[in-house]
Amino acid sequence: MYVMHVIEVREWSEAGVLAELRGEFDGHNLGDLHHTLDSLVALRRPTMVDLSGVTFLDVGATRELTVRSRPYAHHLTFRNPSPQVRASVAACGFEEWFHFRSDPEDASCRRAHLQKSGGRMAS
C-alpha cells in the first residue's frame, strides 16, 4: 500500500526556510523524511517545519522528529502540530522533548512565496 505524503520546502524569509509536511509518515517514507531533515539541518539556516497537515505519524517518524528537536533547536522549529502529531508524540512519551510553536502562517512566508512565483500565488 502506498502512503501519500508531501514534503514541500521553500524560502520562508530572506534568511530562512519553510518545510511543510502533509499526509501520512511511516516506515514507507521514513527515508524521505530523514533525508529532508538532514538536508535542512545542513543548511544551517533558520528553518520552520510546519506539521499542521500531517494526518498520521508512526513511531519511527515521531522518533525522527524527536531526535532533531533538541540538538538543532537553535535553528529548527516545529510549528502548528496537527492533533495526530500531538497524539503520536504523547503516545511515545516524547512531550518533554518538543517545544512546538503554534501560530498562524507567517506573513513573511507568503511574501517570499509570492516573490518566487513572479507575484502570482503558485499552486
N, C-alpha and C. Protein backbone atom coordinates (compact mmCIF):
# COMPACT_ATOMS: atom_id res chain seq x y z
N MET A 1 0.83 -1.18 0.00
CA MET A 1 0.00 0.00 0.00
C MET A 1 0.89 1.25 0.00
N TYR A 2 0.63 2.19 -0.88
CA TYR A 2 1.37 3.44 -0.96
C TYR A 2 0.73 4.46 -0.04
N VAL A 3 1.55 5.09 0.74
CA VAL A 3 1.06 6.10 1.67
C VAL A 3 1.38 7.47 1.09
N MET A 4 0.36 8.28 0.93
CA MET A 4 0.51 9.61 0.35
C MET A 4 1.14 10.57 1.36
N HIS A 5 2.20 11.23 0.93
CA HIS A 5 2.81 12.26 1.75
C HIS A 5 3.42 13.32 0.84
N VAL A 6 3.53 14.52 1.37
CA VAL A 6 4.12 15.64 0.64
C VAL A 6 5.06 16.35 1.59
N ILE A 7 6.25 16.65 1.10
CA ILE A 7 7.20 17.48 1.82
C ILE A 7 7.56 18.62 0.86
N GLU A 8 7.15 19.82 1.22
CA GLU A 8 7.41 20.98 0.38
C GLU A 8 8.36 21.92 1.12
N VAL A 9 9.46 22.27 0.46
CA VAL A 9 10.44 23.17 1.06
C VAL A 9 10.55 24.41 0.19
N ARG A 10 10.51 25.57 0.83
CA ARG A 10 10.62 26.84 0.09
C ARG A 10 11.20 27.91 0.99
N GLU A 11 11.54 29.04 0.39
CA GLU A 11 12.06 30.17 1.16
C GLU A 11 10.99 30.64 2.13
N TRP A 12 11.40 30.98 3.33
CA TRP A 12 10.48 31.43 4.37
C TRP A 12 10.66 32.92 4.60
N SER A 13 11.87 33.36 4.57
CA SER A 13 12.21 34.77 4.72
C SER A 13 13.55 34.94 4.03
N GLU A 14 14.13 36.11 4.14
CA GLU A 14 15.43 36.32 3.50
C GLU A 14 16.48 35.35 4.02
N ALA A 15 16.38 34.96 5.27
CA ALA A 15 17.40 34.10 5.85
C ALA A 15 16.93 32.67 6.11
N GLY A 16 15.63 32.41 5.99
CA GLY A 16 15.12 31.13 6.45
C GLY A 16 14.42 30.29 5.41
N VAL A 17 14.05 29.10 5.86
CA VAL A 17 13.41 28.09 5.01
C VAL A 17 12.17 27.56 5.73
N LEU A 18 11.12 27.27 4.95
CA LEU A 18 9.91 26.66 5.48
C LEU A 18 9.76 25.28 4.85
N ALA A 19 9.56 24.28 5.69
CA ALA A 19 9.27 22.93 5.22
C ALA A 19 7.87 22.57 5.71
N GLU A 20 6.99 22.21 4.78
CA GLU A 20 5.64 21.81 5.14
C GLU A 20 5.49 20.32 4.92
N LEU A 21 5.05 19.62 5.97
CA LEU A 21 4.80 18.19 5.88
C LEU A 21 3.30 17.98 5.85
N ARG A 22 2.84 17.18 4.87
CA ARG A 22 1.41 16.88 4.76
C ARG A 22 1.24 15.40 4.46
N GLY A 23 0.20 14.82 5.05
CA GLY A 23 -0.13 13.43 4.78
C GLY A 23 0.35 12.50 5.87
N GLU A 24 0.62 11.26 5.47
CA GLU A 24 0.97 10.19 6.40
C GLU A 24 2.46 9.88 6.33
N PHE A 25 3.09 9.78 7.50
CA PHE A 25 4.52 9.48 7.59
C PHE A 25 4.71 8.23 8.41
N ASP A 26 5.30 7.22 7.77
CA ASP A 26 5.53 5.94 8.44
C ASP A 26 6.76 5.28 7.82
N GLY A 27 6.92 4.00 8.06
CA GLY A 27 8.09 3.26 7.57
C GLY A 27 8.26 3.30 6.06
N HIS A 28 7.19 3.48 5.31
CA HIS A 28 7.27 3.51 3.85
C HIS A 28 7.99 4.75 3.33
N ASN A 29 7.91 5.85 4.05
CA ASN A 29 8.54 7.08 3.58
C ASN A 29 9.46 7.71 4.62
N LEU A 30 9.87 6.91 5.60
CA LEU A 30 10.77 7.41 6.64
C LEU A 30 12.08 7.91 6.02
N GLY A 31 12.55 7.25 4.98
CA GLY A 31 13.78 7.68 4.30
C GLY A 31 13.66 9.08 3.74
N ASP A 32 12.50 9.40 3.15
CA ASP A 32 12.27 10.75 2.62
C ASP A 32 12.33 11.79 3.74
N LEU A 33 11.67 11.48 4.85
CA LEU A 33 11.66 12.40 5.99
C LEU A 33 13.07 12.59 6.53
N HIS A 34 13.79 11.50 6.70
CA HIS A 34 15.16 11.55 7.21
C HIS A 34 16.06 12.38 6.29
N HIS A 35 15.99 12.13 5.00
CA HIS A 35 16.81 12.86 4.03
C HIS A 35 16.48 14.35 4.03
N THR A 36 15.19 14.67 4.07
CA THR A 36 14.78 16.07 4.08
C THR A 36 15.28 16.78 5.33
N LEU A 37 15.11 16.16 6.48
CA LEU A 37 15.58 16.78 7.73
C LEU A 37 17.10 16.93 7.73
N ASP A 38 17.83 15.93 7.22
CA ASP A 38 19.29 16.04 7.10
C ASP A 38 19.67 17.24 6.24
N SER A 39 18.98 17.39 5.11
CA SER A 39 19.28 18.49 4.18
C SER A 39 18.98 19.85 4.82
N LEU A 40 17.87 19.92 5.55
CA LEU A 40 17.50 21.18 6.21
C LEU A 40 18.51 21.57 7.28
N VAL A 41 18.92 20.60 8.08
CA VAL A 41 19.88 20.86 9.14
C VAL A 41 21.22 21.29 8.54
N ALA A 42 21.60 20.69 7.42
CA ALA A 42 22.87 21.01 6.77
C ALA A 42 22.90 22.45 6.26
N LEU A 43 21.75 23.04 5.99
CA LEU A 43 21.70 24.43 5.52
C LEU A 43 22.19 25.42 6.57
N ARG A 44 22.03 25.05 7.84
CA ARG A 44 22.40 25.92 8.96
C ARG A 44 21.73 27.29 8.86
N ARG A 45 20.46 27.25 8.46
CA ARG A 45 19.64 28.47 8.36
C ARG A 45 18.42 28.28 9.24
N PRO A 46 17.80 29.36 9.70
CA PRO A 46 16.55 29.21 10.45
C PRO A 46 15.54 28.45 9.60
N THR A 47 14.99 27.40 10.19
CA THR A 47 14.06 26.55 9.45
C THR A 47 12.82 26.31 10.29
N MET A 48 11.66 26.55 9.68
CA MET A 48 10.37 26.30 10.30
C MET A 48 9.79 25.06 9.65
N VAL A 49 9.43 24.06 10.44
CA VAL A 49 8.82 22.83 9.93
C VAL A 49 7.35 22.85 10.36
N ASP A 50 6.46 23.03 9.40
CA ASP A 50 5.04 23.11 9.67
C ASP A 50 4.44 21.72 9.64
N LEU A 51 3.81 21.33 10.74
CA LEU A 51 3.26 19.97 10.89
C LEU A 51 1.73 19.96 10.87
N SER A 52 1.11 21.07 10.48
CA SER A 52 -0.34 21.17 10.55
C SER A 52 -1.05 20.24 9.58
N GLY A 53 -0.39 19.83 8.51
CA GLY A 53 -1.03 18.96 7.51
C GLY A 53 -0.74 17.49 7.68
N VAL A 54 -0.07 17.11 8.77
CA VAL A 54 0.25 15.70 9.00
C VAL A 54 -1.00 14.98 9.51
N THR A 55 -1.40 13.90 8.81
CA THR A 55 -2.60 13.15 9.19
C THR A 55 -2.27 11.85 9.93
N PHE A 56 -1.01 11.41 9.86
CA PHE A 56 -0.59 10.22 10.59
C PHE A 56 0.92 10.26 10.76
N LEU A 57 1.38 9.88 11.95
CA LEU A 57 2.80 9.85 12.25
C LEU A 57 3.05 8.59 13.06
N ASP A 58 3.82 7.64 12.49
CA ASP A 58 4.08 6.41 13.24
C ASP A 58 5.25 6.62 14.21
N VAL A 59 5.59 5.58 14.95
CA VAL A 59 6.64 5.67 15.96
C VAL A 59 7.98 6.08 15.34
N GLY A 60 8.33 5.50 14.20
CA GLY A 60 9.60 5.83 13.55
C GLY A 60 9.68 7.28 13.12
N ALA A 61 8.62 7.79 12.54
CA ALA A 61 8.59 9.19 12.10
C ALA A 61 8.58 10.13 13.31
N THR A 62 7.87 9.75 14.36
CA THR A 62 7.85 10.55 15.58
C THR A 62 9.24 10.61 16.18
N ARG A 63 9.92 9.47 16.20
CA ARG A 63 11.29 9.43 16.71
C ARG A 63 12.22 10.29 15.86
N GLU A 64 12.05 10.24 14.55
CA GLU A 64 12.89 11.04 13.64
C GLU A 64 12.77 12.53 13.96
N LEU A 65 11.55 13.00 14.17
CA LEU A 65 11.35 14.40 14.55
C LEU A 65 11.95 14.69 15.93
N THR A 66 11.80 13.73 16.83
CA THR A 66 12.29 13.90 18.20
C THR A 66 13.80 14.06 18.24
N VAL A 67 14.52 13.22 17.49
CA VAL A 67 15.99 13.29 17.54
C VAL A 67 16.51 14.59 16.92
N ARG A 68 15.68 15.30 16.17
CA ARG A 68 16.08 16.60 15.60
C ARG A 68 15.68 17.76 16.49
N SER A 69 14.70 17.54 17.37
CA SER A 69 14.10 18.65 18.10
C SER A 69 15.03 19.32 19.11
N ARG A 70 15.93 18.59 19.73
CA ARG A 70 16.80 19.19 20.75
C ARG A 70 18.14 19.68 20.20
N PRO A 71 18.92 18.83 19.54
CA PRO A 71 20.25 19.29 19.13
C PRO A 71 20.23 20.43 18.11
N TYR A 72 19.14 20.54 17.35
CA TYR A 72 19.07 21.57 16.32
C TYR A 72 18.02 22.64 16.65
N ALA A 73 17.62 22.70 17.90
CA ALA A 73 16.56 23.63 18.31
C ALA A 73 16.93 25.09 18.06
N HIS A 74 18.21 25.41 17.97
CA HIS A 74 18.61 26.80 17.75
C HIS A 74 18.27 27.29 16.35
N HIS A 75 18.05 26.38 15.38
CA HIS A 75 17.63 26.84 14.06
C HIS A 75 16.55 25.98 13.40
N LEU A 76 16.05 24.97 14.09
CA LEU A 76 14.99 24.11 13.57
C LEU A 76 13.79 24.19 14.51
N THR A 77 12.69 24.76 14.02
CA THR A 77 11.50 24.96 14.84
C THR A 77 10.32 24.19 14.25
N PHE A 78 9.64 23.43 15.09
CA PHE A 78 8.44 22.70 14.66
C PHE A 78 7.24 23.53 15.07
N ARG A 79 6.33 23.76 14.12
CA ARG A 79 5.18 24.61 14.43
C ARG A 79 3.88 23.94 14.02
N ASN A 80 2.81 24.39 14.62
CA ASN A 80 1.43 24.01 14.31
C ASN A 80 1.24 22.50 14.16
N PRO A 81 1.57 21.74 15.20
CA PRO A 81 1.36 20.29 15.09
C PRO A 81 -0.12 19.95 15.00
N SER A 82 -0.44 19.05 14.09
CA SER A 82 -1.83 18.58 13.98
C SER A 82 -2.17 17.76 15.22
N PRO A 83 -3.46 17.52 15.46
CA PRO A 83 -3.83 16.65 16.59
C PRO A 83 -3.18 15.27 16.49
N GLN A 84 -2.99 14.77 15.28
CA GLN A 84 -2.37 13.47 15.08
C GLN A 84 -0.90 13.49 15.50
N VAL A 85 -0.21 14.59 15.22
CA VAL A 85 1.19 14.71 15.64
C VAL A 85 1.26 14.76 17.15
N ARG A 86 0.41 15.57 17.77
CA ARG A 86 0.41 15.66 19.23
C ARG A 86 0.11 14.30 19.87
N ALA A 87 -0.84 13.55 19.29
CA ALA A 87 -1.18 12.24 19.82
C ALA A 87 -0.01 11.26 19.69
N SER A 88 0.68 11.29 18.58
CA SER A 88 1.83 10.39 18.37
C SER A 88 2.96 10.72 19.33
N VAL A 89 3.23 12.01 19.50
CA VAL A 89 4.29 12.44 20.41
C VAL A 89 3.93 12.01 21.84
N ALA A 90 2.68 12.18 22.24
CA ALA A 90 2.24 11.79 23.58
C ALA A 90 2.30 10.27 23.76
N ALA A 91 1.86 9.53 22.75
CA ALA A 91 1.86 8.06 22.84
C ALA A 91 3.28 7.51 22.99
N CYS A 92 4.24 8.19 22.41
CA CYS A 92 5.64 7.77 22.50
C CYS A 92 6.33 8.30 23.76
N GLY A 93 5.65 9.19 24.49
CA GLY A 93 6.22 9.75 25.71
C GLY A 93 7.29 10.80 25.44
N PHE A 94 7.19 11.48 24.30
CA PHE A 94 8.22 12.45 23.90
C PHE A 94 7.81 13.91 24.14
N GLU A 95 6.74 14.15 24.89
CA GLU A 95 6.25 15.53 25.06
C GLU A 95 7.33 16.47 25.59
N GLU A 96 8.16 16.00 26.49
CA GLU A 96 9.17 16.88 27.08
C GLU A 96 10.29 17.22 26.11
N TRP A 97 10.41 16.50 25.02
CA TRP A 97 11.46 16.76 24.04
C TRP A 97 11.07 17.87 23.06
N PHE A 98 9.78 18.07 22.91
CA PHE A 98 9.29 19.01 21.91
C PHE A 98 8.84 20.32 22.53
N HIS A 99 9.12 21.38 21.83
CA HIS A 99 8.59 22.70 22.15
C HIS A 99 7.97 23.21 20.87
N PHE A 100 6.71 22.83 20.65
CA PHE A 100 6.01 23.24 19.44
C PHE A 100 5.65 24.71 19.49
N ARG A 101 5.76 25.35 18.36
CA ARG A 101 5.30 26.73 18.23
C ARG A 101 3.98 26.68 17.48
N SER A 102 2.96 27.28 18.04
CA SER A 102 1.66 27.31 17.39
C SER A 102 1.33 28.75 17.03
N ASP A 103 1.26 28.99 15.72
CA ASP A 103 0.94 30.33 15.25
C ASP A 103 0.38 30.25 13.84
N PRO A 104 -0.30 31.31 13.42
CA PRO A 104 -0.82 31.33 12.06
C PRO A 104 0.35 31.41 11.08
N GLU A 105 0.06 31.19 9.81
CA GLU A 105 1.11 31.24 8.80
C GLU A 105 1.80 32.59 8.85
N ASP A 106 3.10 32.56 8.82
CA ASP A 106 3.93 33.76 8.87
C ASP A 106 3.76 34.55 7.58
N ALA A 107 3.46 35.83 7.70
CA ALA A 107 3.27 36.68 6.52
C ALA A 107 4.53 36.75 5.67
N SER A 108 5.70 36.68 6.28
CA SER A 108 6.94 36.73 5.50
C SER A 108 7.07 35.50 4.62
N CYS A 109 6.49 34.39 5.05
CA CYS A 109 6.50 33.17 4.23
C CYS A 109 5.67 33.40 2.98
N ARG A 110 4.50 33.99 3.14
CA ARG A 110 3.65 34.25 1.98
C ARG A 110 4.33 35.21 1.01
N ARG A 111 4.97 36.24 1.55
CA ARG A 111 5.66 37.20 0.68
C ARG A 111 6.78 36.52 -0.10
N ALA A 112 7.57 35.68 0.56
CA ALA A 112 8.67 35.01 -0.11
C ALA A 112 8.13 34.10 -1.20
N HIS A 113 7.02 33.41 -0.93
CA HIS A 113 6.44 32.50 -1.91
C HIS A 113 5.90 33.29 -3.11
N LEU A 114 5.27 34.42 -2.85
CA LEU A 114 4.77 35.24 -3.95
C LEU A 114 5.92 35.78 -4.79
N GLN A 115 6.98 36.21 -4.17
CA GLN A 115 8.12 36.73 -4.91
C GLN A 115 8.72 35.66 -5.80
N LYS A 116 8.81 34.45 -5.32
CA LYS A 116 9.37 33.35 -6.08
C LYS A 116 8.52 33.01 -7.30
N SER A 117 7.22 33.25 -7.24
CA SER A 117 6.33 32.87 -8.33
C SER A 117 5.99 34.04 -9.23
N GLY A 118 6.76 35.10 -9.17
CA GLY A 118 6.53 36.25 -10.05
C GLY A 118 5.31 37.05 -9.70
N GLY A 119 4.93 37.08 -8.42
CA GLY A 119 3.78 37.88 -7.99
C GLY A 119 2.46 37.15 -8.03
N ARG A 120 2.44 35.93 -8.54
CA ARG A 120 1.23 35.12 -8.54
C ARG A 120 1.41 34.00 -7.55
N MET A 121 0.34 33.64 -6.90
CA MET A 121 0.40 32.55 -5.94
C MET A 121 0.55 31.25 -6.71
N ALA A 122 1.60 30.50 -6.38
CA ALA A 122 1.83 29.22 -7.05
C ALA A 122 0.87 28.20 -6.48
N SER A 123 0.43 27.27 -7.31
CA SER A 123 -0.48 26.25 -6.81
C SER A 123 0.22 24.96 -6.56
